[in-house]
Protein backbone atom coordinates (compact mmCIF):
# COMPACT_ATOMS: atom_id res chain seq x y z
CA MET A 1 21.84 8.06 21.52
CA THR A 2 22.05 7.23 17.80
CA LYS A 3 18.70 5.35 17.88
CA LYS A 4 16.98 8.30 19.60
CA LEU A 5 18.35 10.68 16.99
CA LEU A 6 17.11 8.42 14.16
CA LEU A 7 13.66 8.20 15.74
CA LEU A 8 13.48 11.98 15.97
CA LEU A 9 14.73 12.60 12.44
CA ALA A 10 12.75 9.87 10.64
CA PRO A 11 9.37 11.72 10.67
CA ILE A 12 11.05 14.93 9.49
CA PHE A 13 12.74 13.05 6.67
CA LEU A 14 9.47 11.40 5.62
CA LEU A 15 7.66 14.75 5.59
CA ALA A 16 10.48 16.34 3.61
CA CYS A 17 10.19 13.56 1.02
CA GLY A 18 6.46 14.19 0.67
CA LEU A 19 5.39 11.07 2.52
CA SER A 20 2.84 11.24 5.24
CA ARG A 21 1.13 8.65 7.37
CA SER A 22 -2.00 8.87 5.20
CA ALA A 23 0.06 8.33 2.04
CA ILE A 24 1.78 5.33 3.56
CA LEU A 25 -1.50 3.79 4.76
CA MET A 26 -3.48 4.62 1.60
CA GLN A 27 -5.16 1.64 -0.06
CA ALA A 28 -5.97 1.17 -3.71
CA ASP A 29 -9.54 1.73 -4.84
CA PRO A 30 -11.56 -1.47 -5.24
CA LEU A 31 -12.16 -2.73 -8.74
CA PRO A 32 -15.49 -1.64 -10.24
CA SER A 33 -18.29 -4.18 -10.57
CA PRO A 34 -18.98 -5.41 -14.10
CA THR A 35 -21.98 -4.04 -15.94
CA ALA A 36 -25.01 -6.21 -16.64
CA ALA A 37 -23.94 -6.40 -20.30
CA GLN A 38 -20.58 -7.89 -19.26
CA VAL A 39 -22.06 -10.63 -17.08
CA GLU A 40 -23.17 -13.95 -18.54
CA ILE A 41 -23.77 -16.81 -16.13
CA ALA A 42 -24.69 -20.35 -17.08
CA THR A 43 -25.77 -22.91 -14.51
CA ALA A 44 -26.86 -26.52 -14.59
CA SER A 45 -29.13 -28.31 -12.14
CA PRO A 46 -30.15 -31.95 -11.67
CA THR A 47 -33.54 -31.23 -13.25
CA HIS A 48 -31.98 -29.22 -16.11
CA PRO A 49 -28.73 -30.95 -17.12
CA HIS A 50 -28.04 -28.32 -19.75
CA PRO A 51 -26.95 -24.91 -18.49
CA THR A 52 -29.64 -22.25 -18.33
CA GLN A 53 -29.12 -18.50 -18.43
CA GLN A 54 -29.62 -16.72 -15.13
CA SER A 55 -30.65 -13.12 -15.18
CA VAL A 56 -28.86 -10.26 -13.50
CA CYS A 57 -29.94 -6.84 -12.32
CA THR A 58 -28.23 -3.64 -11.23
CA VAL A 59 -28.90 -2.19 -7.78
CA VAL A 60 -30.41 1.30 -8.07
CA ALA A 61 -30.76 2.14 -4.35
CA GLU A 62 -27.91 3.92 -2.54
CA SER A 63 -27.95 1.22 0.16
CA LEU A 64 -30.09 -1.90 -0.19
CA HIS A 65 -30.66 -4.42 2.60
CA VAL A 66 -30.11 -8.08 1.78
CA ARG A 67 -32.33 -10.20 3.98
CA GLU A 68 -32.19 -13.82 5.10
CA SER A 69 -35.82 -14.33 4.03
CA ALA A 70 -38.26 -12.46 1.80
CA GLY A 71 -40.06 -9.51 3.37
CA VAL A 72 -39.24 -6.65 5.71
CA GLY A 73 -39.38 -9.07 8.65
CA GLY A 74 -36.36 -10.99 7.33
CA VAL A 75 -33.09 -10.52 9.22
CA VAL A 76 -30.67 -8.14 7.44
CA ILE A 77 -27.55 -10.14 6.53
CA GLY A 78 -25.79 -7.60 4.31
CA TRP A 79 -26.04 -4.51 2.15
CA LEU A 80 -25.59 -3.69 -1.51
CA LYS A 81 -24.58 -0.36 -3.04
CA ALA A 82 -25.96 1.41 -6.11
CA GLY A 83 -24.42 0.06 -9.31
CA GLN A 84 -23.64 -3.42 -8.00
CA ILE A 85 -24.59 -6.29 -10.31
CA VAL A 86 -26.39 -9.22 -8.67
CA THR A 87 -27.44 -12.61 -10.02
CA ILE A 88 -31.13 -13.40 -9.69
CA LEU A 89 -31.45 -16.99 -8.55
CA ASN A 90 -34.05 -19.29 -10.06
CA ASP A 91 -36.19 -19.44 -6.89
CA GLN A 92 -39.81 -18.35 -7.15
CA PRO A 93 -40.20 -14.64 -6.27
CA ALA A 94 -42.18 -13.87 -3.11
CA GLY A 95 -44.26 -10.85 -4.06
CA ASN A 96 -41.76 -8.10 -4.89
CA TRP A 97 -38.91 -10.03 -3.27
CA ILE A 98 -36.29 -11.86 -5.36
CA HIS A 99 -33.58 -14.30 -4.27
CA ILE A 100 -30.15 -13.01 -5.31
CA GLN A 101 -26.45 -13.74 -5.06
CA ALA A 102 -23.72 -11.12 -4.96
CA GLY A 103 -20.31 -12.69 -4.44
CA ASP A 104 -20.50 -14.76 -1.23
CA LEU A 105 -23.73 -13.04 -0.15
CA THR A 106 -27.00 -14.86 -0.90
CA GLY A 107 -30.34 -13.47 0.24
CA TRP A 108 -33.53 -11.63 -0.67
CA ILE A 109 -33.98 -8.05 -1.92
CA ASN A 110 -36.97 -6.00 -3.00
CA SER A 111 -37.08 -6.11 -6.81
CA ASN A 112 -38.20 -2.45 -6.96
CA TYR A 113 -34.58 -1.47 -6.24
CA CYS A 114 -32.92 -3.61 -8.91
CA GLU A 115 -33.18 -2.94 -12.66
CA GLY A 116 -32.13 -5.06 -15.53
């Protein structure tokens, strides 16, 4: 009987204290991406033993497909959002398509939608 009473009164108590299910389940906002000015990446390769600067760009499209290969025929493997900073990899561009890395995601995007 006591357990049933507690189960009935617990939601009322939580509501009276200003807590709701949405407040309990609420997650913190993700950290913002750094700006292009804040990002400086140095890499070294077997052919260039000294680190070289890689360039970055900022996504300007609301939602930008990241593809497995250059071109609209490439399989979509992820998406980027406006304002995200991506690293442009040193691979040769394929037309308007550039090879990028954003966190764990590596693929090709159309350079028309990335400024920097």
